[in-house]
Amino acid sequence: GYPLELLARAAAADWRIAEVDVPYLPRRGRS
């Protein structure tokens, strides 16, 4: 839950949040 809580707290603190498209590749090894 860490990344979700981080985003929620950042939004509550009025952080300027931006997204940048990045390529997503097949992972190596087991998920």
Full PDB file with SEQRES, HELIX, SHEET, SSBOND, CRYST1, ORIGX, SCALE, CONECT and MASTER records, all heavy atoms in Angstrom:
SEQRES   1 A   31  GLY TYR PRO LEU GLU LEU LEU ALA ARG ALA ALA ALA ALA          
SEQRES   2 A   31  ASP TRP ARG ILE ALA GLU VAL ASP VAL PRO TYR LEU PRO          
SEQRES   3 A   31  ARG ARG GLY ARG SER                                          
HELIX    1 AA1 TYR A    2  ALA A   12  1                                  11    
CRYST1    1.000    1.000    1.000  90.00  90.00  90.00 P 1           1          
ORIGX1      1.000000  0.000000  0.000000        0.00000                         
ORIGX2      0.000000  1.000000  0.000000        0.00000                         
ORIGX3      0.000000  0.000000  1.000000        0.00000                         
SCALE1      1.000000  0.000000  0.000000        0.00000                         
SCALE2      0.000000  1.000000  0.000000        0.00000                         
SCALE3      0.000000  0.000000  1.000000        0.00000                         
ATOM      1  N   GLY A   1       0.798  -1.213   0.000  1.00  0.00           N  
ATOM      2  CA  GLY A   1       0.000   0.000   0.000  1.00  0.00           C  
ATOM      3  C   GLY A   1       0.834   1.267   0.000  1.00  0.00           C  
ATOM      4  O   GLY A   1       0.285   2.369  -0.096  1.00  0.00           O  
ATOM      5  N   TYR A   2       2.163   1.134   0.081  1.00  0.00           N  
ATOM      6  CA  TYR A   2       3.044   2.305   0.184  1.00  0.00           C  
ATOM      7  C   TYR A   2       2.843   3.321  -0.945  1.00  0.00           C  
ATOM      8  O   TYR A   2       2.656   4.508  -0.673  1.00  0.00           O  
ATOM      9  CB  TYR A   2       4.503   1.854   0.246  1.00  0.00           C  
ATOM     10  CG  TYR A   2       5.490   2.989   0.345  1.00  0.00           C  
ATOM     11  CD1 TYR A   2       5.979   3.406   1.574  1.00  0.00           C  
ATOM     12  CD2 TYR A   2       5.933   3.656  -0.799  1.00  0.00           C  
ATOM     13  CE1 TYR A   2       6.878   4.465   1.662  1.00  0.00           C  
ATOM     14  CE2 TYR A   2       6.820   4.707  -0.717  1.00  0.00           C  
ATOM     15  CZ  TYR A   2       7.296   5.106   0.509  1.00  0.00           C  
ATOM     16  OH  TYR A   2       8.166   6.167   0.586  1.00  0.00           O  
ATOM     17  N   PRO A   3       2.900   2.916  -2.230  1.00  0.00           N  
ATOM     18  CA  PRO A   3       2.773   3.937  -3.281  1.00  0.00           C  
ATOM     19  C   PRO A   3       1.427   4.632  -3.292  1.00  0.00           C  
ATOM     20  O   PRO A   3       1.334   5.826  -3.603  1.00  0.00           O  
ATOM     21  CB  PRO A   3       3.008   3.160  -4.583  1.00  0.00           C  
ATOM     22  CG  PRO A   3       2.892   1.731  -4.234  1.00  0.00           C  
ATOM     23  CD  PRO A   3       3.154   1.578  -2.783  1.00  0.00           C  
ATOM     24  N   LEU A   4       0.381   3.924  -2.912  1.00  0.00           N  
ATOM     25  CA  LEU A   4      -0.939   4.539  -2.867  1.00  0.00           C  
ATOM     26  C   LEU A   4      -1.023   5.546  -1.728  1.00  0.00           C  
ATOM     27  O   LEU A   4      -1.526   6.663  -1.905  1.00  0.00           O  
ATOM     28  CB  LEU A   4      -2.007   3.456  -2.691  1.00  0.00           C  
ATOM     29  CG  LEU A   4      -3.447   3.944  -2.589  1.00  0.00           C  
ATOM     30  CD1 LEU A   4      -3.870   4.634  -3.878  1.00  0.00           C  
ATOM     31  CD2 LEU A   4      -4.382   2.782  -2.284  1.00  0.00           C  
ATOM     32  N   GLU A   5      -0.529   5.165  -0.551  1.00  0.00           N  
ATOM     33  CA  GLU A   5      -0.546   6.101   0.574  1.00  0.00           C  
ATOM     34  C   GLU A   5       0.299   7.332   0.271  1.00  0.00           C  
ATOM     35  O   GLU A   5      -0.079   8.461   0.600  1.00  0.00           O  
ATOM     36  CB  GLU A   5      -0.038   5.427   1.844  1.00  0.00           C  
ATOM     37  CG  GLU A   5      -0.124   6.346   3.057  1.00  0.00           C  
ATOM     38  CD  GLU A   5       0.469   5.760   4.328  1.00  0.00           C  
ATOM     39  OE1 GLU A   5       0.747   4.538   4.354  1.00  0.00           O  
ATOM     40  OE2 GLU A   5       0.665   6.527   5.288  1.00  0.00           O  
ATOM     41  N   LEU A   6       1.429   7.131  -0.399  1.00  0.00           N  
ATOM     42  CA  LEU A   6       2.283   8.264  -0.767  1.00  0.00           C  
ATOM     43  C   LEU A   6       1.519   9.250  -1.648  1.00  0.00           C  
ATOM     44  O   LEU A   6       1.520  10.468  -1.399  1.00  0.00           O  
ATOM     45  CB  LEU A   6       3.522   7.752  -1.496  1.00  0.00           C  
ATOM     46  CG  LEU A   6       4.635   8.756  -1.826  1.00  0.00           C  
ATOM     47  CD1 LEU A   6       5.952   8.030  -1.993  1.00  0.00           C  
ATOM     48  CD2 LEU A   6       4.330   9.552  -3.095  1.00  0.00           C  
ATOM     49  N   LEU A   7       0.839   8.733  -2.664  1.00  0.00           N  
ATOM     50  CA  LEU A   7       0.087   9.611  -3.559  1.00  0.00           C  
ATOM     51  C   LEU A   7      -1.056  10.312  -2.832  1.00  0.00           C  
ATOM     52  O   LEU A   7      -1.313  11.502  -3.063  1.00  0.00           O  
ATOM     53  CB  LEU A   7      -0.450   8.803  -4.740  1.00  0.00           C  
ATOM     54  CG  LEU A   7       0.581   8.422  -5.810  1.00  0.00           C  
ATOM     55  CD1 LEU A   7       0.033   7.319  -6.700  1.00  0.00           C  
ATOM     56  CD2 LEU A   7       0.958   9.646  -6.635  1.00  0.00           C  
ATOM     57  N   ALA A   8      -1.750   9.591  -1.963  1.00  0.00           N  
ATOM     58  CA  ALA A   8      -2.854  10.191  -1.221  1.00  0.00           C  
ATOM     59  C   ALA A   8      -2.355  11.298  -0.301  1.00  0.00           C  
ATOM     60  O   ALA A   8      -2.962  12.379  -0.207  1.00  0.00           O  
ATOM     61  CB  ALA A   8      -3.592   9.121  -0.418  1.00  0.00           C  
ATOM     62  N   ARG A   9      -1.263  11.045   0.397  1.00  0.00           N  
ATOM     63  CA  ARG A   9      -0.713  12.073   1.294  1.00  0.00           C  
ATOM     64  C   ARG A   9      -0.165  13.262   0.512  1.00  0.00           C  
ATOM     65  O   ARG A   9      -0.287  14.411   0.940  1.00  0.00           O  
ATOM     66  CB  ARG A   9       0.368  11.462   2.176  1.00  0.00           C  
ATOM     67  CG  ARG A   9      -0.165  10.520   3.264  1.00  0.00           C  
ATOM     68  CD  ARG A   9       0.944  10.021   4.176  1.00  0.00           C  
ATOM     69  NE  ARG A   9       0.410   9.157   5.210  1.00  0.00           N  
ATOM     70  CZ  ARG A   9      -0.062   9.589   6.375  1.00  0.00           C  
ATOM     71  NH1 ARG A   9      -0.061  10.893   6.644  1.00  0.00           N  
ATOM     72  NH2 ARG A   9      -0.525   8.740   7.277  1.00  0.00           N  
ATOM     73  N   ALA A  10       0.461  12.989  -0.630  1.00  0.00           N  
ATOM     74  CA  ALA A  10       0.972  14.085  -1.452  1.00  0.00           C  
ATOM     75  C   ALA A  10      -0.164  14.966  -1.950  1.00  0.00           C  
ATOM     76  O   ALA A  10      -0.065  16.202  -1.948  1.00  0.00           O  
ATOM     77  CB  ALA A  10       1.768  13.518  -2.624  1.00  0.00           C  
ATOM     78  N   ALA A  11      -1.272  14.347  -2.373  1.00  0.00           N  
ATOM     79  CA  ALA A  11      -2.423  15.126  -2.824  1.00  0.00           C  
ATOM     80  C   ALA A  11      -3.003  15.947  -1.681  1.00  0.00           C  
ATOM     81  O   ALA A  11      -3.372  17.123  -1.857  1.00  0.00           O  
ATOM     82  CB  ALA A  11      -3.483  14.194  -3.395  1.00  0.00           C  
ATOM     83  N   ALA A  12      -3.088  15.353  -0.484  1.00  0.00           N  
ATOM     84  CA  ALA A  12      -3.626  16.072   0.673  1.00  0.00           C  
ATOM     85  C   ALA A  12      -2.739  17.247   1.058  1.00  0.00           C  
ATOM     86  O   ALA A  12      -3.224  18.244   1.608  1.00  0.00           O  
ATOM     87  CB  ALA A  12      -3.775  15.115   1.855  1.00  0.00           C  
ATOM     88  N   ALA A  13      -1.449  17.137   0.770  1.00  0.00           N  
ATOM     89  CA  ALA A  13      -0.505  18.216   1.084  1.00  0.00           C  
ATOM     90  C   ALA A  13      -0.393  19.234  -0.051  1.00  0.00           C  
ATOM     91  O   ALA A  13       0.482  20.111  -0.010  1.00  0.00           O  
ATOM     92  CB  ALA A  13       0.868  17.620   1.389  1.00  0.00           C  
ATOM     93  N   ASP A  14      -1.267  19.096  -1.060  1.00  0.00           N  
ATOM     94  CA  ASP A  14      -1.279  20.019  -2.204  1.00  0.00           C  
ATOM     95  C   ASP A  14       0.018  19.987  -3.012  1.00  0.00           C  
ATOM     96  O   ASP A  14       0.437  21.007  -3.564  1.00  0.00           O  
ATOM     97  CB  ASP A  14      -1.586  21.454  -1.755  1.00  0.00           C  
ATOM     98  CG  ASP A  14      -2.994  21.610  -1.216  1.00  0.00           C  
ATOM     99  OD1 ASP A  14      -3.905  20.953  -1.758  1.00  0.00           O  
ATOM    100  OD2 ASP A  14      -3.187  22.358  -0.245  1.00  0.00           O  
ATOM    101  N   TRP A  15       0.627  18.832  -3.074  1.00  0.00           N  
ATOM    102  CA  TRP A  15       1.794  18.693  -3.942  1.00  0.00           C  
ATOM    103  C   TRP A  15       1.377  18.813  -5.398  1.00  0.00           C  
ATOM    104  O   TRP A  15       0.277  18.415  -5.784  1.00  0.00           O  
ATOM    105  CB  TRP A  15       2.438  17.326  -3.739  1.00  0.00           C  
ATOM    106  CG  TRP A  15       3.322  17.224  -2.536  1.00  0.00           C  
ATOM    107  CD1 TRP A  15       3.258  17.973  -1.390  1.00  0.00           C  
ATOM    108  CD2 TRP A  15       4.402  16.303  -2.350  1.00  0.00           C  
ATOM    109  NE1 TRP A  15       4.214  17.567  -0.508  1.00  0.00           N  
ATOM    110  CE2 TRP A  15       4.937  16.546  -1.062  1.00  0.00           C  
ATOM    111  CE3 TRP A  15       4.953  15.294  -3.130  1.00  0.00           C  
ATOM    112  CZ2 TRP A  15       6.010  15.816  -0.550  1.00  0.00           C  
ATOM    113  CZ3 TRP A  15       6.012  14.556  -2.628  1.00  0.00           C  
ATOM    114  CH2 TRP A  15       6.533  14.823  -1.355  1.00  0.00           C  
ATOM    115  N   ARG A  16       2.283  19.352  -6.196  1.00  0.00           N  
ATOM    116  CA  ARG A  16       2.085  19.373  -7.649  1.00  0.00           C  
ATOM    117  C   ARG A  16       2.550  18.013  -8.187  1.00  0.00           C  
ATOM    118  O   ARG A  16       3.737  17.722  -8.172  1.00  0.00           O  
ATOM    119  CB  ARG A  16       2.890  20.513  -8.266  1.00  0.00           C  
ATOM    120  CG  ARG A  16       2.435  21.905  -7.829  1.00  0.00           C  
ATOM    121  CD  ARG A  16       3.493  22.943  -8.133  1.00  0.00           C  
ATOM    122  NE  ARG A  16       4.723  22.638  -7.409  1.00  0.00           N  
ATOM    123  CZ  ARG A  16       5.901  23.215  -7.658  1.00  0.00           C  
ATOM    124  NH1 ARG A  16       6.014  24.115  -8.632  1.00  0.00           N  
ATOM    125  NH2 ARG A  16       6.971  22.878  -6.943  1.00  0.00           N  
ATOM    126  N   ILE A  17       1.577  17.216  -8.626  1.00  0.00           N  
ATOM    127  CA  ILE A  17       1.853  15.852  -9.073  1.00  0.00           C  
ATOM    128  C   ILE A  17       1.713  15.780 -10.588  1.00  0.00           C  
ATOM    129  O   ILE A  17       0.724  16.252 -11.150  1.00  0.00           O  
ATOM    130  CB  ILE A  17       0.889  14.858  -8.411  1.00  0.00           C  
ATOM    131  CG1 ILE A  17       0.986  14.956  -6.874  1.00  0.00           C  
ATOM    132  CG2 ILE A  17       1.173  13.435  -8.868  1.00  0.00           C  
ATOM    133  CD1 ILE A  17      -0.076  14.160  -6.148  1.00  0.00           C  
ATOM    134  N   ALA A  18       2.691  15.207 -11.245  1.00  0.00           N  
ATOM    135  CA  ALA A  18       2.668  15.076 -12.702  1.00  0.00           C  
ATOM    136  C   ALA A  18       2.938  13.625 -13.090  1.00  0.00           C  
ATOM    137  O   ALA A  18       3.557  12.874 -12.338  1.00  0.00           O  
ATOM    138  CB  ALA A  18       3.716  15.988 -13.335  1.00  0.00           C  
ATOM    139  N   GLU A  19       2.469  13.245 -14.265  1.00  0.00           N  
ATOM    140  CA  GLU A  19       2.738  11.928 -14.826  1.00  0.00           C  
ATOM    141  C   GLU A  19       3.529  12.078 -16.120  1.00  0.00           C  
ATOM    142  O   GLU A  19       3.286  13.005 -16.894  1.00  0.00           O  
ATOM    143  CB  GLU A  19       1.441  11.172 -15.135  1.00  0.00           C  
ATOM    144  CG  GLU A  19       0.767  10.569 -13.921  1.00  0.00           C  
ATOM    145  CD  GLU A  19      -0.391   9.658 -14.307  1.00  0.00           C  
ATOM    146  OE1 GLU A  19      -1.106   9.985 -15.269  1.00  0.00           O  
ATOM    147  OE2 GLU A  19      -0.572   8.628 -13.634  1.00  0.00           O  
ATOM    148  N   VAL A  20       4.457  11.169 -16.326  1.00  0.00           N  
ATOM    149  CA  VAL A  20       5.234  11.103 -17.566  1.00  0.00           C  
ATOM    150  C   VAL A  20       5.130   9.678 -18.092  1.00  0.00           C  
ATOM    151  O   VAL A  20       5.355   8.715 -17.345  1.00  0.00           O  
ATOM    152  CB  VAL A  20       6.709  11.471 -17.311  1.00  0.00           C  
ATOM    153  CG1 VAL A  20       7.551  11.213 -18.564  1.00  0.00           C  
ATOM    154  CG2 VAL A  20       6.840  12.927 -16.878  1.00  0.00           C  
ATOM    155  N   ASP A  21       4.761   9.520 -19.343  1.00  0.00           N  
ATOM    156  CA  ASP A  21       4.666   8.182 -19.929  1.00  0.00           C  
ATOM    157  C   ASP A  21       6.045   7.515 -19.984  1.00  0.00           C  
ATOM    158  O   ASP A  21       7.032   8.136 -20.419  1.00  0.00           O  
ATOM    159  CB  ASP A  21       4.094   8.253 -21.339  1.00  0.00           C  
ATOM    160  CG  ASP A  21       2.607   8.546 -21.352  1.00  0.00           C  
ATOM    161  OD1 ASP A  21       2.002   8.612 -20.261  1.00  0.00           O  
ATOM    162  OD2 ASP A  21       2.050   8.704 -22.454  1.00  0.00           O  
ATOM    163  N   VAL A  22       6.096   6.259 -19.544  1.00  0.00           N  
ATOM    164  CA  VAL A  22       7.334   5.488 -19.623  1.00  0.00           C  
ATOM    165  C   VAL A  22       7.014   4.099 -20.183  1.00  0.00           C  
ATOM    166  O   VAL A  22       5.934   3.565 -19.932  1.00  0.00           O  
ATOM    167  CB  VAL A  22       8.023   5.349 -18.247  1.00  0.00           C  
ATOM    168  CG1 VAL A  22       8.488   6.702 -17.730  1.00  0.00           C  
ATOM    169  CG2 VAL A  22       7.113   4.678 -17.232  1.00  0.00           C  
ATOM    170  N   PRO A  23       7.919   3.512 -20.958  1.00  0.00           N  
ATOM    171  CA  PRO A  23       7.666   2.173 -21.491  1.00  0.00           C  
ATOM    172  C   PRO A  23       7.685   1.129 -20.379  1.00  0.00           C  
ATOM    173  O   PRO A  23       8.489   1.211 -19.447  1.00  0.00           O  
ATOM    174  CB  PRO A  23       8.817   1.955 -22.479  1.00  0.00           C  
ATOM    175  CG  PRO A  23       9.890   2.902 -22.038  1.00  0.00           C  
ATOM    176  CD  PRO A  23       9.202   4.074 -21.441  1.00  0.00           C  
ATOM    177  N   TYR A  24       6.777   0.166 -20.478  1.00  0.00           N  
ATOM    178  CA  TYR A  24       6.689  -0.920 -19.503  1.00  0.00           C  
ATOM    179  C   TYR A  24       7.020  -2.210 -20.214  1.00  0.00           C  
ATOM    180  O   TYR A  24       6.369  -2.590 -21.196  1.00  0.00           O  
ATOM    181  CB  TYR A  24       5.288  -0.959 -18.911  1.00  0.00           C  
ATOM    182  CG  TYR A  24       5.169  -1.785 -17.652  1.00  0.00           C  
ATOM    183  CD1 TYR A  24       6.049  -1.621 -16.590  1.00  0.00           C  
ATOM    184  CD2 TYR A  24       4.156  -2.733 -17.527  1.00  0.00           C  
ATOM    185  CE1 TYR A  24       5.932  -2.364 -15.432  1.00  0.00           C  
ATOM    186  CE2 TYR A  24       4.027  -3.490 -16.363  1.00  0.00           C  
ATOM    187  CZ  TYR A  24       4.921  -3.292 -15.321  1.00  0.00           C  
ATOM    188  OH  TYR A  24       4.803  -4.045 -14.170  1.00  0.00           O  
ATOM    189  N   LEU A  25       8.033  -2.900 -19.724  1.00  0.00           N  
ATOM    190  CA  LEU A  25       8.601  -4.068 -20.390  1.00  0.00           C  
ATOM    191  C   LEU A  25       8.270  -5.339 -19.611  1.00  0.00           C  
ATOM    192  O   LEU A  25       7.942  -5.280 -18.418  1.00  0.00           O  
ATOM    193  CB  LEU A  25      10.129  -3.909 -20.475  1.00  0.00           C  
ATOM    194  CG  LEU A  25      10.636  -2.573 -21.016  1.00  0.00           C  
ATOM    195  CD1 LEU A  25      12.137  -2.443 -20.794  1.00  0.00           C  
ATOM    196  CD2 LEU A  25      10.298  -2.449 -22.499  1.00  0.00           C  
ATOM    197  N   PRO A  26       8.365  -6.507 -20.241  1.00  0.00           N  
ATOM    198  CA  PRO A  26       8.181  -7.752 -19.495  1.00  0.00           C  
ATOM    199  C   PRO A  26       9.245  -7.882 -18.413  1.00  0.00           C  
ATOM    200  O   PRO A  26      10.441  -7.699 -18.676  1.00  0.00           O  
ATOM    201  CB  PRO A  26       8.358  -8.837 -20.569  1.00  0.00           C  
ATOM    202  CG  PRO A  26       8.091  -8.151 -21.865  1.00  0.00           C  
ATOM    203  CD  PRO A  26       8.588  -6.744 -21.683  1.00  0.00           C  
ATOM    204  N   ARG A  27       8.814  -8.149 -17.196  1.00  0.00           N  
ATOM    205  CA  ARG A  27       9.764  -8.274 -16.103  1.00  0.00           C  
ATOM    206  C   ARG A  27      10.588  -9.545 -16.278  1.00  0.00           C  
ATOM    207  O   ARG A  27      10.185 -10.488 -16.962  1.00  0.00           O  
ATOM    208  CB  ARG A  27       9.057  -8.286 -14.754  1.00  0.00           C  
ATOM    209  CG  ARG A  27       8.118  -9.448 -14.523  1.00  0.00           C  
ATOM    210  CD  ARG A  27       7.851  -9.678 -13.036  1.00  0.00           C  
ATOM    211  NE  ARG A  27       9.053 -10.189 -12.400  1.00  0.00           N  
ATOM    212  CZ  ARG A  27       9.553  -9.730 -11.268  1.00  0.00           C  
ATOM    213  NH1 ARG A  27       8.971  -8.738 -10.627  1.00  0.00           N  
ATOM    214  NH2 ARG A  27      10.645 -10.250 -10.752  1.00  0.00           N  
ATOM    215  N   ARG A  28      11.752  -9.564 -15.644  1.00  0.00           N  
ATOM    216  CA  ARG A  28      12.595 -10.754 -15.641  1.00  0.00           C  
ATOM    217  C   ARG A  28      12.433 -11.443 -14.289  1.00  0.00           C  
ATOM    218  O   ARG A  28      12.652 -10.833 -13.253  1.00  0.00           O  
ATOM    219  CB  ARG A  28      14.053 -10.386 -15.879  1.00  0.00           C  
ATOM    220  CG  ARG A  28      14.261  -9.646 -17.196  1.00  0.00           C  
ATOM    221  CD  ARG A  28      15.717  -9.413 -17.507  1.00  0.00           C  
ATOM    222  NE  ARG A  28      15.858  -8.591 -18.713  1.00  0.00           N  
ATOM    223  CZ  ARG A  28      17.018  -8.309 -19.288  1.00  0.00           C  
ATOM    224  NH1 ARG A  28      18.142  -8.786 -18.783  1.00  0.00           N  
ATOM    225  NH2 ARG A  28      17.052  -7.545 -20.380  1.00  0.00           N  
ATOM    226  N   GLY A  29      12.054 -12.707 -14.313  1.00  0.00           N  
ATOM    227  CA  GLY A  29      11.825 -13.422 -13.064  1.00  0.00           C  
ATOM    228  C   GLY A  29      10.353 -13.446 -12.715  1.00  0.00           C  
ATOM    229  O   GLY A  29       9.490 -12.963 -13.450  1.00  0.00           O  
ATOM    230  N   ARG A  30      10.056 -13.995 -11.535  1.00  0.00           N  
ATOM    231  CA  ARG A  30       8.670 -14.212 -11.104  1.00  0.00           C  
ATOM    232  C   ARG A  30       8.102 -12.976 -10.430  1.00  0.00           C  
ATOM    233  O   ARG A  30       8.745 -12.356  -9.595  1.00  0.00           O  
ATOM    234  CB  ARG A  30       8.635 -15.396 -10.122  1.00  0.00           C  
ATOM    235  CG  ARG A  30       7.252 -15.768  -9.629  1.00  0.00           C  
ATOM    236  CD  ARG A  30       7.340 -16.956  -8.680  1.00  0.00           C  
ATOM    237  NE  ARG A  30       8.148 -16.648  -7.516  1.00  0.00           N  
ATOM    238  CZ  ARG A  30       7.666 -16.050  -6.408  1.00  0.00           C  
ATOM    239  NH1 ARG A  30       6.399 -15.692  -6.356  1.00  0.00           N  
ATOM    240  NH2 ARG A  30       8.460 -15.812  -5.384  1.00  0.00           N  
ATOM    241  N   SER A  31       6.870 -12.608 -10.779  1.00  0.00           N  
ATOM    242  CA  SER A  31       6.187 -11.498 -10.133  1.00  0.00           C  
ATOM    243  C   SER A  31       5.780 -11.872  -8.720  1.00  0.00           C  
ATOM    244  O   SER A  31       5.313 -12.972  -8.469  1.00  0.00           O  
ATOM    245  CB  SER A  31       4.942 -11.097 -10.931  1.00  0.00           C  
ATOM    246  OG  SER A  31       4.203 -10.127 -10.223  1.00  0.00           O  
TER     247      SER A  31                                                      
MASTER        0    0    0    1    0    0    0    6  246    1    0    3          
END                                                                             
